[in-house]
Protein backbone atom coordinates (compact mmCIF):
# COMPACT_ATOMS: atom_id res chain seq x y z
CA MET A 1 61.86 -25.47 -6.75
CA ASP A 2 60.95 -21.93 -5.55
CA HIS A 3 57.76 -22.35 -3.48
CA ALA A 4 57.39 -18.66 -2.65
CA PRO A 5 55.13 -17.73 -5.62
CA LEU A 6 52.92 -20.74 -4.91
CA LYS A 7 52.52 -19.81 -1.25
CA ALA A 8 51.76 -16.20 -2.18
CA ALA A 9 49.00 -17.39 -4.47
CA LEU A 10 47.41 -19.42 -1.66
CA ALA A 11 47.62 -16.45 0.77
CA ASP A 12 44.69 -14.90 -1.18
CA VAL A 13 41.04 -15.55 -2.17
CA VAL A 14 41.22 -19.01 -3.65
CA ALA A 15 38.24 -19.10 -5.97
CA ILE A 16 36.31 -22.32 -6.64
CA PRO A 17 34.51 -21.83 -9.99
CA VAL A 18 31.15 -23.43 -10.60
CA THR A 19 30.73 -25.80 -13.52
CA PRO A 20 27.78 -24.65 -15.64
CA PHE A 21 25.69 -27.10 -17.54
CA ALA A 22 23.95 -26.55 -20.86
CA GLU A 23 20.23 -27.44 -21.51
CA ASP A 24 21.22 -30.98 -22.60
CA GLY A 25 23.02 -31.55 -19.32
CA ARG A 26 26.53 -31.47 -20.67
CA ILE A 27 29.17 -28.95 -19.45
CA ASP A 28 28.84 -25.58 -21.20
CA PRO A 29 32.46 -24.60 -21.99
CA ALA A 30 31.68 -21.13 -23.28
CA ARG A 31 29.63 -20.26 -20.24
CA TYR A 32 32.40 -21.67 -17.94
CA ARG A 33 34.95 -19.49 -19.53
CA ALA A 34 32.70 -16.42 -19.39
CA LEU A 35 32.17 -16.93 -15.63
CA LEU A 36 35.91 -17.50 -15.15
CA ARG A 37 36.72 -14.38 -17.12
CA ARG A 38 34.29 -12.38 -15.04
CA MET A 39 36.14 -13.43 -11.86
CA LEU A 40 39.55 -12.78 -13.33
CA ASP A 41 38.53 -9.35 -14.60
CA GLY A 42 37.13 -8.73 -11.07
CA GLY A 43 40.59 -9.22 -9.54
CA VAL A 44 40.73 -12.87 -8.69
CA ARG A 45 44.14 -14.45 -9.33
CA THR A 46 44.01 -17.96 -7.79
CA VAL A 47 41.40 -20.45 -9.04
CA THR A 48 40.60 -24.11 -8.29
CA PRO A 49 38.84 -25.86 -11.12
CA ASN A 50 37.29 -29.20 -10.04
CA GLY A 51 36.68 -28.07 -6.44
CA ASN A 52 33.65 -28.97 -4.47
CA THR A 53 31.73 -25.87 -5.71
CA GLY A 54 32.59 -27.14 -9.21
CA GLU A 55 30.78 -30.45 -8.42
CA PHE A 56 33.98 -32.46 -8.63
CA TYR A 57 32.35 -35.75 -7.64
CA ALA A 58 29.54 -35.32 -10.16
CA LEU A 59 31.95 -34.93 -13.17
CA THR A 60 33.31 -37.77 -15.28
CA PRO A 61 37.09 -38.08 -15.67
CA ASP A 62 36.84 -36.67 -19.18
CA GLU A 63 34.80 -33.74 -17.99
CA ARG A 64 37.25 -32.96 -15.20
CA ARG A 65 40.10 -32.94 -17.75
CA SER A 66 38.06 -30.69 -19.97
CA VAL A 67 37.40 -28.26 -17.15
CA VAL A 68 41.17 -28.02 -16.46
CA GLU A 69 41.93 -27.42 -20.19
CA GLU A 70 39.27 -24.65 -20.42
CA THR A 71 40.64 -23.04 -17.30
CA MET A 72 44.16 -22.99 -18.67
CA ALA A 73 42.97 -21.64 -22.01
CA GLU A 74 41.16 -18.77 -20.30
CA ALA A 75 43.73 -17.99 -17.57
CA ASP A 76 45.91 -14.87 -17.75
CA ASP A 77 49.65 -14.95 -17.33
CA GLY A 78 49.23 -14.01 -13.68
CA THR A 79 46.63 -16.59 -12.83
CA VAL A 80 47.64 -19.41 -10.62
CA VAL A 81 45.60 -22.61 -11.20
CA VAL A 82 45.20 -25.14 -8.41
CA VAL A 83 43.45 -28.24 -9.86
CA GLY A 84 41.25 -30.39 -7.60
CA VAL A 85 42.14 -34.08 -7.71
CA GLY A 86 41.02 -37.12 -5.79
CA HIS A 87 39.45 -40.60 -5.75
CA ASP A 88 41.79 -43.63 -5.76
CA VAL A 89 45.51 -43.04 -5.92
CA PRO A 90 45.98 -43.99 -9.58
CA THR A 91 43.11 -41.66 -10.54
CA ALA A 92 44.42 -38.82 -8.45
CA VAL A 93 47.97 -39.26 -9.78
CA GLY A 94 46.65 -39.38 -13.41
CA ALA A 95 44.69 -36.19 -12.76
CA ALA A 96 47.65 -34.47 -11.16
CA ARG A 97 49.92 -35.33 -14.09
CA HIS A 98 47.27 -34.06 -16.47
CA ALA A 99 47.13 -30.80 -14.47
CA ARG A 100 50.89 -30.52 -14.68
CA ASP A 101 50.97 -31.18 -18.39
CA ALA A 102 48.15 -28.62 -18.97
CA GLY A 103 50.20 -25.95 -17.20
CA ALA A 104 48.69 -25.78 -13.73
CA ALA A 105 50.94 -24.72 -10.79
CA MET A 106 49.35 -26.82 -8.01
CA VAL A 107 46.84 -29.48 -7.15
CA MET A 108 44.40 -29.51 -4.25
CA VAL A 109 43.74 -33.05 -3.01
CA HIS A 110 40.18 -33.72 -1.95
CA GLN A 111 39.89 -35.45 1.41
CA PRO A 112 39.72 -39.26 0.78
CA VAL A 113 36.08 -40.44 0.96
CA HIS A 114 36.83 -44.10 1.88
CA PRO A 115 35.24 -44.84 5.25
CA TYR A 116 38.46 -46.38 6.65
CA VAL A 117 41.17 -43.74 6.75
CA SER A 118 44.04 -44.16 9.18
CA PRO A 119 46.35 -41.23 10.03
CA ASP A 120 49.27 -43.03 8.45
CA GLY A 121 47.19 -44.01 5.46
CA TRP A 122 46.23 -40.33 4.98
CA VAL A 123 49.95 -39.54 4.88
CA GLY A 124 50.60 -42.37 2.44
CA TYR A 125 47.79 -41.32 0.11
CA HIS A 126 49.01 -37.66 -0.16
CA ARG A 127 52.63 -38.78 -0.39
CA ALA A 128 51.90 -40.98 -3.41
CA ILE A 129 50.34 -38.00 -5.19
CA ALA A 130 52.95 -35.43 -4.20
CA GLU A 131 55.84 -37.65 -5.19
CA ALA A 132 54.21 -38.28 -8.62
CA VAL A 133 54.23 -34.51 -9.39
CA PRO A 134 57.29 -33.02 -7.70
CA GLU A 135 57.05 -30.08 -10.13
CA LEU A 136 53.71 -29.00 -8.64
CA GLY A 137 52.70 -27.57 -5.33
CA VAL A 138 50.32 -29.81 -3.37
CA VAL A 139 47.52 -28.73 -1.02
CA PRO A 140 45.72 -31.26 1.11
CA TYR A 141 42.07 -30.48 1.74
CA ILE A 142 41.19 -31.43 5.27
CA ARG A 143 37.64 -31.98 6.63
CA ASN A 144 38.52 -34.64 9.22
CA GLU A 145 38.63 -33.19 12.72
CA ARG A 146 40.55 -36.31 13.96
CA LEU A 147 43.61 -35.63 11.82
CA GLY A 148 46.30 -34.13 13.97
CA GLY A 149 49.04 -31.64 13.09
CA ASP A 150 51.68 -34.31 13.63
CA ARG A 151 50.59 -36.21 10.50
CA ILE A 152 50.54 -33.03 8.45
CA ALA A 153 54.01 -32.19 9.73
CA ARG A 154 55.20 -35.67 8.69
CA LEU A 155 53.75 -35.24 5.19
CA GLY A 156 55.64 -31.94 4.92
CA GLU A 157 58.92 -33.63 5.96
CA LEU A 158 58.51 -36.32 3.29
CA CYS A 159 57.19 -34.05 0.52
CA PRO A 160 58.75 -30.49 0.18
CA ASN A 161 56.18 -29.67 -2.51
CA VAL A 162 53.29 -29.82 -0.03
CA VAL A 163 53.10 -26.10 0.37
CA GLY A 164 49.71 -25.37 1.86
CA VAL A 165 46.74 -26.84 3.68
CA LYS A 166 43.07 -26.13 3.03
CA TYR A 167 41.55 -26.63 6.44
CA ALA A 168 37.75 -27.05 6.55
CA VAL A 169 36.88 -28.24 10.03
CA PRO A 170 34.40 -25.85 11.59
CA ASP A 171 36.38 -25.31 14.78
CA ALA A 172 38.69 -22.33 15.04
CA ALA A 173 40.37 -23.51 18.23
CA ARG A 174 41.02 -26.88 16.66
CA PHE A 175 42.48 -25.20 13.59
CA ALA A 176 44.77 -23.00 15.68
CA ALA A 177 46.17 -26.14 17.48
CA VAL A 178 46.56 -28.20 14.30
CA ALA A 179 48.28 -25.41 12.41
CA ARG A 180 50.77 -24.87 15.22
CA ASP A 181 51.40 -28.57 15.71
CA ALA A 182 52.02 -29.00 11.98
CA GLY A 183 54.05 -25.86 11.46
CA LEU A 184 52.40 -22.44 11.19
CA GLU A 185 55.16 -21.10 9.06
CA ARG A 186 55.87 -24.36 7.16
CA PHE A 187 52.55 -24.30 5.27
CA VAL A 188 50.21 -21.65 4.00
CA TRP A 189 46.98 -22.13 5.95
CA VAL A 190 43.84 -21.58 3.90
CA ALA A 191 40.49 -21.22 5.62
CA GLY A 192 38.47 -23.86 3.70
CA LEU A 193 35.06 -22.79 4.92
CA ALA A 194 35.06 -19.56 2.96
CA GLU A 195 34.06 -16.08 4.06
CA LEU A 196 31.81 -17.09 7.02
CA TYR A 197 34.79 -18.61 8.83
CA ALA A 198 37.58 -16.50 7.36
CA PRO A 199 37.83 -13.78 10.12
CA SER A 200 38.02 -16.31 12.95
CA TYR A 201 40.54 -18.54 11.17
CA TRP A 202 42.55 -15.51 10.06
CA ALA A 203 42.87 -14.43 13.66
CA VAL A 204 44.63 -17.65 14.65
CA GLY A 205 46.85 -18.26 11.55
CA ALA A 206 45.14 -18.49 8.21
CA THR A 207 46.37 -16.17 5.49
CA GLY A 208 44.00 -17.13 2.68
CA PHE A 209 40.49 -18.45 2.29
CA THR A 210 38.52 -20.36 -0.37
CA SER A 211 35.37 -18.95 -1.82
CA GLY A 212 32.38 -20.05 -3.86
CA LEU A 213 30.62 -16.75 -3.28
CA VAL A 214 33.41 -15.12 -5.42
CA ASN A 215 31.53 -16.53 -8.44
CA VAL A 216 28.73 -14.17 -7.69
CA SER A 217 30.56 -11.11 -6.32
CA PRO A 218 34.33 -11.01 -6.66
CA ARG A 219 34.42 -7.54 -5.11
CA THR A 220 32.76 -8.77 -1.99
CA SER A 221 35.28 -11.56 -1.42
CA LEU A 222 38.20 -9.30 -2.21
CA ALA A 223 36.88 -6.61 0.13
CA MET A 224 37.04 -9.11 3.00
CA LEU A 225 40.54 -10.11 1.99
CA ASP A 226 41.69 -6.52 2.00
CA ALA A 227 40.16 -5.96 5.44
CA LEU A 228 41.77 -9.03 6.93
CA ARG A 229 45.15 -8.18 5.44
CA ALA A 230 44.89 -4.77 7.03
CA GLY A 231 43.93 -6.23 10.40
CA ASP A 232 40.67 -4.29 10.18
CA TYR A 233 38.23 -6.88 11.70
CA ALA A 234 35.48 -4.33 11.99
CA ALA A 235 35.51 -3.83 8.22
CA ALA A 236 35.79 -7.62 7.67
CA MET A 237 32.77 -8.18 9.84
CA LYS A 238 30.77 -5.63 7.90
CA VAL A 239 31.34 -7.83 4.84
CA TRP A 240 30.52 -10.86 7.00
CA GLU A 241 27.18 -9.37 8.03
CA ARG A 242 26.36 -8.60 4.40
CA ILE A 243 26.91 -12.14 3.17
CA ARG A 244 25.92 -14.06 6.37
CA GLU A 245 22.42 -15.01 5.33
CA PHE A 246 23.61 -16.10 1.85
CA GLU A 247 26.34 -18.27 3.34
CA ASP A 248 24.05 -19.63 6.04
CA LEU A 249 21.61 -20.72 3.32
CA ARG A 250 24.47 -22.58 1.59
CA ALA A 251 25.44 -24.24 4.88
CA GLU A 252 21.93 -25.46 5.77
CA ASP A 253 21.34 -29.18 6.17
CA ARG A 254 25.02 -30.03 6.22
CA SER A 255 25.83 -27.84 3.20
CA ALA A 256 23.30 -29.59 0.93
CA ASN A 257 22.77 -26.37 -0.93
CA ASN A 258 26.41 -25.23 -1.12
CA VAL A 259 26.51 -25.29 -4.95
CA THR A 260 22.80 -24.87 -5.52
CA VAL A 261 22.62 -21.41 -3.87
CA VAL A 262 25.59 -20.14 -5.87
CA LYS A 263 24.13 -21.36 -9.14
CA GLU A 264 20.71 -19.95 -8.28
CA ALA A 265 22.38 -16.53 -7.61
CA LEU A 266 24.11 -16.71 -10.99
CA ALA A 267 20.89 -17.72 -12.68
CA SER A 268 19.06 -14.70 -11.08
CA LEU A 269 21.78 -12.55 -12.71
CA GLY A 270 21.33 -14.21 -16.07
CA LEU A 271 24.87 -15.66 -15.95
CA CYS A 272 24.37 -19.39 -15.69
CA ARG A 273 21.64 -22.05 -15.66
CA ARG A 274 20.60 -23.16 -12.15
CA GLU A 275 20.84 -26.90 -12.92
CA VAL A 276 23.17 -28.98 -10.72
CA ARG A 277 23.82 -32.74 -10.79
CA PRO A 278 22.89 -35.36 -8.22
CA PRO A 279 23.62 -35.64 -5.38
CA SER A 280 22.85 -31.90 -5.29
CA SER A 281 19.45 -30.63 -6.38
CA VAL A 282 18.04 -27.26 -7.49
CA LEU A 283 16.39 -24.99 -4.97
CA PRO A 284 12.58 -25.26 -4.68
CA GLU A 285 10.90 -22.48 -6.56
CA ALA A 286 9.60 -21.01 -3.41
CA ASP A 287 13.14 -20.30 -2.18
CA ARG A 288 14.46 -18.78 -5.40
CA GLY A 289 13.20 -15.30 -4.76
CA ARG A 290 14.96 -15.32 -1.40
CA VAL A 291 18.31 -15.77 -3.10
CA ALA A 292 17.66 -12.96 -5.55
CA SER A 293 16.68 -10.68 -2.69
CA LEU A 294 19.85 -11.43 -0.79
CA LEU A 295 21.89 -10.00 -3.62
CA GLU A 296 20.28 -6.57 -3.29
CA GLY A 297 22.83 -4.05 -2.17
CA TRP A 298 25.80 -6.13 -3.23
CA ASP A 299 28.27 -4.61 -5.74
CA LEU A 300 27.84 -6.97 -8.64
CA SER A 301 29.54 -4.91 -11.30
């Protein structure tokens, strides 16, 4: 299996689409595809349906499968789809096989949410998923600061199709050490905390970053990518300053409003309803104008 195209797709803006809901609370497939088309037409080429910004844990299994199928139906020939999977091993394996059968190229494995996760158990969990879909690239999503690079390296030894790592621990020094202990060149390292952390993580080894903001402004996210690829950190930080307050708002209260703020921005543009599902909640009305004002001056064409 040639992993080079998969690694190239991860060394990019990895977009996490929102999942829009209709007035009756069900997924709105037409709106989802319109939002996805807007991103693809804006230059995005790597997308992760059923990511955290897509409210993965608030969707039913049937809904998650539907999101994958709608994504594949809308994707262009050059689009690389990385499907979010997780929960217990049988559920994750079933979702990964569905993603494979639907035509996706990779799966991104959400960090296990069980309170008792040993380092070896983490390896075993991901190995079971990776070995079930050897045809797909596999990307672990890491939010656990206690997981060392040695366990990631071991997973890579056991499973050649583990091609990248989405690292979302808010500590650039820790990331630099983990990436080097695991193998800086063995995996593509994706900054999993989006644009706000992308410059610092890029400086020590990341070559791609995930984004929820890209739902709102593809050009803004791609402008940061271009600057980082060129090594122009001054230009990257200009983008950073522009989006800083928006991303800080998403990160408030342990990221309680991560999805909420993105959907509120889309609602202010008339592109999507603002509704989210529990355990998220819509922004209080008093804060909605703040989101709309933050978009002023952005290139939203």
